Every structure is written in structure tokens, then in C-alpha cells.
Amino acid sequence: MDASVAPRHLVPSTHDLGSAVEAGIGWAMMPLQQSVPLREEGRVLPLGGEEVSTPLYWQAWRTPPDLLRALGEEVQAAARRELRAA
């Protein structure tokens, strides 16, 4: 099949992606925070295989303005609380 005519769906957000998978429109790789509750409720099924972990990096200027420095600190704090270490 020509890839230019393959069926496609536009899913504008990660929340909507979970809803699309739940509705059976397709499959996806989803963050654990999103997929675990759906799996535990039996609303989606794992496809099998190994979990995929990807290191995340926060990049910023060497000397960022105060507002960006504060934002970076908040993003890093949230990541430490919410993400599982690889």
C-alpha cells in the first residue's frame, strides 16, 4: 500500500491519544502515568515486549534569565517527583 493513502488519524494531545487507543482506533506507546491506570481498569491492553525507557534532558542557556531559571527548576522538580528513574 502506498504510504500516502494509508489511513491516518490526527490526535492533538496525549490525553486524546489515550482515548483513541481506548476506543480501538489504534495503538500507541504511552507514558506509565497514563497507561497504568488504563491497563489496571482493563480499558487498554499491553502489546507485550520490553518497556522502553528514554533518558530525558532539560536544556537551557548557561546563564538563563531569572524567569527561565525558575521555570527550569520547577520542570526538574516535577520530573523528579513524577518520572521513574531509568
N, C-alpha and C. Protein backbone atom coordinates (compact mmCIF):
# COMPACT_ATOMS: atom_id res chain seq x y z
N MET A 1 0.84 -1.17 0.00
CA MET A 1 0.00 0.00 0.00
C MET A 1 0.89 1.24 0.00
N ASP A 2 0.52 2.18 -0.80
CA ASP A 2 1.22 3.47 -0.86
C ASP A 2 1.02 4.21 0.45
N ALA A 3 2.10 4.61 1.11
CA ALA A 3 2.02 5.28 2.41
C ALA A 3 1.21 6.57 2.33
N SER A 4 1.17 7.20 1.18
CA SER A 4 0.43 8.46 1.08
C SER A 4 -1.08 8.27 1.14
N VAL A 5 -1.56 7.04 0.97
CA VAL A 5 -3.00 6.78 1.04
C VAL A 5 -3.37 5.90 2.24
N ALA A 6 -2.39 5.63 3.11
CA ALA A 6 -2.66 4.81 4.29
C ALA A 6 -3.61 5.55 5.23
N PRO A 7 -4.46 4.83 5.96
CA PRO A 7 -5.36 5.51 6.91
C PRO A 7 -4.56 6.26 7.97
N ARG A 8 -5.02 7.45 8.32
CA ARG A 8 -4.33 8.28 9.32
C ARG A 8 -5.36 8.95 10.21
N HIS A 9 -4.94 9.24 11.42
CA HIS A 9 -5.79 9.95 12.36
C HIS A 9 -4.96 11.05 13.00
N LEU A 10 -5.56 12.20 13.20
CA LEU A 10 -4.89 13.29 13.92
C LEU A 10 -5.37 13.25 15.36
N VAL A 11 -4.43 13.09 16.27
CA VAL A 11 -4.75 13.06 17.70
C VAL A 11 -3.97 14.21 18.33
N PRO A 12 -4.66 15.29 18.72
CA PRO A 12 -3.98 16.53 19.10
C PRO A 12 -3.33 16.57 20.48
N SER A 13 -3.59 15.61 21.36
CA SER A 13 -2.99 15.68 22.69
C SER A 13 -2.75 14.28 23.23
N THR A 14 -1.91 14.18 24.26
CA THR A 14 -1.63 12.87 24.86
C THR A 14 -2.88 12.29 25.52
N HIS A 15 -3.71 13.15 26.11
CA HIS A 15 -4.96 12.66 26.71
C HIS A 15 -5.85 12.05 25.62
N ASP A 16 -5.97 12.76 24.49
CA ASP A 16 -6.78 12.26 23.39
C ASP A 16 -6.19 10.98 22.79
N LEU A 17 -4.87 10.85 22.84
CA LEU A 17 -4.24 9.62 22.35
C LEU A 17 -4.70 8.43 23.18
N GLY A 18 -4.71 8.59 24.51
CA GLY A 18 -5.21 7.51 25.36
C GLY A 18 -6.65 7.18 25.05
N SER A 19 -7.47 8.19 24.80
CA SER A 19 -8.87 7.96 24.45
C SER A 19 -9.00 7.24 23.11
N ALA A 20 -8.15 7.59 22.15
CA ALA A 20 -8.17 6.93 20.85
C ALA A 20 -7.79 5.46 20.96
N VAL A 21 -6.77 5.17 21.76
CA VAL A 21 -6.36 3.77 21.97
C VAL A 21 -7.49 3.02 22.66
N GLU A 22 -8.08 3.63 23.66
CA GLU A 22 -9.18 3.00 24.39
C GLU A 22 -10.35 2.70 23.45
N ALA A 23 -10.59 3.58 22.48
CA ALA A 23 -11.69 3.40 21.53
C ALA A 23 -11.36 2.38 20.44
N GLY A 24 -10.10 1.89 20.43
CA GLY A 24 -9.72 0.89 19.44
C GLY A 24 -9.31 1.46 18.10
N ILE A 25 -9.06 2.77 18.05
CA ILE A 25 -8.67 3.40 16.79
C ILE A 25 -7.25 2.97 16.39
N GLY A 26 -6.42 2.67 17.35
CA GLY A 26 -5.05 2.28 17.03
C GLY A 26 -4.30 1.89 18.28
N TRP A 27 -2.99 1.86 18.20
CA TRP A 27 -2.15 1.52 19.34
C TRP A 27 -1.15 2.66 19.52
N ALA A 28 -0.51 2.68 20.69
CA ALA A 28 0.44 3.76 20.96
C ALA A 28 1.39 3.37 22.08
N MET A 29 2.52 4.05 22.11
CA MET A 29 3.40 3.99 23.28
C MET A 29 2.99 5.16 24.15
N MET A 30 2.64 4.88 25.42
CA MET A 30 2.15 5.92 26.31
C MET A 30 2.98 5.95 27.57
N PRO A 31 3.10 7.11 28.21
CA PRO A 31 3.80 7.20 29.49
C PRO A 31 3.11 6.33 30.54
N LEU A 32 3.90 5.81 31.48
CA LEU A 32 3.33 4.96 32.52
C LEU A 32 2.22 5.65 33.29
N GLN A 33 2.40 6.95 33.60
CA GLN A 33 1.38 7.67 34.36
C GLN A 33 0.03 7.63 33.65
N GLN A 34 0.05 7.52 32.34
CA GLN A 34 -1.18 7.47 31.57
C GLN A 34 -1.64 6.04 31.33
N SER A 35 -0.73 5.14 31.04
CA SER A 35 -1.12 3.80 30.64
C SER A 35 -1.47 2.87 31.80
N VAL A 36 -0.78 3.00 32.94
CA VAL A 36 -1.02 2.08 34.05
C VAL A 36 -2.48 2.12 34.53
N PRO A 37 -3.06 3.30 34.80
CA PRO A 37 -4.46 3.30 35.23
C PRO A 37 -5.40 2.68 34.18
N LEU A 38 -5.15 2.95 32.91
CA LEU A 38 -5.99 2.38 31.86
C LEU A 38 -5.85 0.86 31.80
N ARG A 39 -4.62 0.36 31.97
CA ARG A 39 -4.40 -1.10 31.99
C ARG A 39 -5.05 -1.73 33.21
N GLU A 40 -4.89 -1.10 34.38
CA GLU A 40 -5.45 -1.66 35.61
C GLU A 40 -6.98 -1.73 35.55
N GLU A 41 -7.60 -0.80 34.85
CA GLU A 41 -9.05 -0.79 34.70
C GLU A 41 -9.51 -1.67 33.54
N GLY A 42 -8.57 -2.29 32.82
CA GLY A 42 -8.91 -3.15 31.70
C GLY A 42 -9.38 -2.40 30.47
N ARG A 43 -9.07 -1.11 30.40
CA ARG A 43 -9.54 -0.30 29.27
C ARG A 43 -8.60 -0.35 28.07
N VAL A 44 -7.34 -0.73 28.29
CA VAL A 44 -6.37 -0.96 27.22
C VAL A 44 -5.56 -2.20 27.57
N LEU A 45 -4.92 -2.79 26.58
CA LEU A 45 -4.11 -3.99 26.78
C LEU A 45 -2.68 -3.72 26.36
N PRO A 46 -1.71 -4.27 27.10
CA PRO A 46 -0.32 -4.13 26.65
C PRO A 46 -0.09 -5.00 25.41
N LEU A 47 0.75 -4.54 24.51
CA LEU A 47 1.06 -5.32 23.32
C LEU A 47 2.13 -6.37 23.59
N GLY A 48 2.81 -6.26 24.71
CA GLY A 48 3.87 -7.19 25.04
C GLY A 48 5.23 -6.60 24.70
N GLY A 49 6.26 -7.33 25.03
CA GLY A 49 7.60 -6.84 24.77
C GLY A 49 8.15 -6.05 25.94
N GLU A 50 9.36 -5.62 25.79
CA GLU A 50 10.07 -4.88 26.83
C GLU A 50 9.54 -3.46 26.95
N GLU A 51 9.55 -2.92 28.18
CA GLU A 51 9.28 -1.50 28.36
C GLU A 51 10.41 -0.71 27.73
N VAL A 52 10.09 0.46 27.22
CA VAL A 52 11.08 1.32 26.61
C VAL A 52 11.30 2.52 27.53
N SER A 53 12.54 2.71 27.95
CA SER A 53 12.89 3.87 28.78
C SER A 53 13.80 4.78 27.97
N THR A 54 13.53 6.07 28.04
CA THR A 54 14.32 7.04 27.30
C THR A 54 14.79 8.13 28.26
N PRO A 55 16.08 8.37 28.34
CA PRO A 55 16.55 9.46 29.19
C PRO A 55 16.01 10.80 28.68
N LEU A 56 15.62 11.65 29.60
CA LEU A 56 15.15 12.99 29.25
C LEU A 56 16.15 14.01 29.75
N TYR A 57 16.33 15.06 28.98
CA TYR A 57 17.29 16.10 29.34
C TYR A 57 16.59 17.45 29.27
N TRP A 58 16.91 18.34 30.19
CA TRP A 58 16.40 19.71 30.17
C TRP A 58 17.55 20.58 29.73
N GLN A 59 17.37 21.26 28.60
CA GLN A 59 18.43 22.12 28.09
C GLN A 59 18.04 23.57 28.28
N ALA A 60 19.02 24.36 28.70
CA ALA A 60 18.79 25.79 28.91
C ALA A 60 20.09 26.54 28.68
N TRP A 61 19.97 27.86 28.54
CA TRP A 61 21.17 28.67 28.40
C TRP A 61 22.06 28.51 29.63
N ARG A 62 23.33 28.75 29.42
CA ARG A 62 24.27 28.64 30.53
C ARG A 62 23.91 29.64 31.64
N THR A 63 23.51 30.83 31.28
CA THR A 63 23.08 31.83 32.26
C THR A 63 21.70 32.34 31.86
N PRO A 64 20.65 31.58 32.19
CA PRO A 64 19.30 31.97 31.75
C PRO A 64 18.77 33.13 32.57
N PRO A 65 17.83 33.89 32.00
CA PRO A 65 17.16 34.93 32.79
C PRO A 65 16.47 34.29 34.00
N ASP A 66 16.20 35.09 35.02
CA ASP A 66 15.62 34.56 36.27
C ASP A 66 14.34 33.78 36.03
N LEU A 67 13.46 34.28 35.15
CA LEU A 67 12.20 33.60 34.90
C LEU A 67 12.44 32.20 34.32
N LEU A 68 13.34 32.08 33.36
CA LEU A 68 13.64 30.77 32.77
C LEU A 68 14.35 29.87 33.77
N ARG A 69 15.18 30.43 34.61
CA ARG A 69 15.85 29.63 35.64
C ARG A 69 14.81 29.03 36.58
N ALA A 70 13.86 29.84 37.01
CA ALA A 70 12.80 29.36 37.90
C ALA A 70 11.95 28.29 37.21
N LEU A 71 11.63 28.51 35.94
CA LEU A 71 10.87 27.51 35.18
C LEU A 71 11.63 26.20 35.10
N GLY A 72 12.91 26.27 34.78
CA GLY A 72 13.73 25.07 34.69
C GLY A 72 13.78 24.30 36.00
N GLU A 73 13.88 25.02 37.09
CA GLU A 73 13.91 24.37 38.41
C GLU A 73 12.58 23.67 38.70
N GLU A 74 11.47 24.31 38.32
CA GLU A 74 10.15 23.69 38.52
C GLU A 74 9.98 22.45 37.65
N VAL A 75 10.41 22.52 36.40
CA VAL A 75 10.32 21.36 35.50
C VAL A 75 11.14 20.20 36.05
N GLN A 76 12.35 20.48 36.49
CA GLN A 76 13.21 19.42 37.03
C GLN A 76 12.62 18.83 38.31
N ALA A 77 12.05 19.66 39.18
CA ALA A 77 11.45 19.16 40.42
C ALA A 77 10.25 18.27 40.10
N ALA A 78 9.43 18.69 39.14
CA ALA A 78 8.27 17.88 38.75
C ALA A 78 8.72 16.56 38.14
N ALA A 79 9.76 16.58 37.34
CA ALA A 79 10.27 15.35 36.73
C ALA A 79 10.79 14.39 37.80
N ARG A 80 11.48 14.92 38.80
CA ARG A 80 11.97 14.05 39.88
C ARG A 80 10.81 13.40 40.64
N ARG A 81 9.72 14.16 40.82
CA ARG A 81 8.55 13.61 41.55
C ARG A 81 7.77 12.61 40.71
N GLU A 82 7.60 12.90 39.44
CA GLU A 82 6.63 12.17 38.61
C GLU A 82 7.20 11.07 37.73
N LEU A 83 8.46 11.18 37.36
CA LEU A 83 9.03 10.23 36.41
C LEU A 83 9.86 9.18 37.13
N ARG A 84 9.85 7.98 36.60
CA ARG A 84 10.64 6.89 37.16
C ARG A 84 12.05 6.98 36.61
N ALA A 85 13.03 6.82 37.46
CA ALA A 85 14.43 6.85 37.01
C ALA A 85 14.73 5.62 36.17
N ALA A 86 15.46 5.81 35.10
CA ALA A 86 15.81 4.69 34.21
C ALA A 86 16.93 3.87 34.80
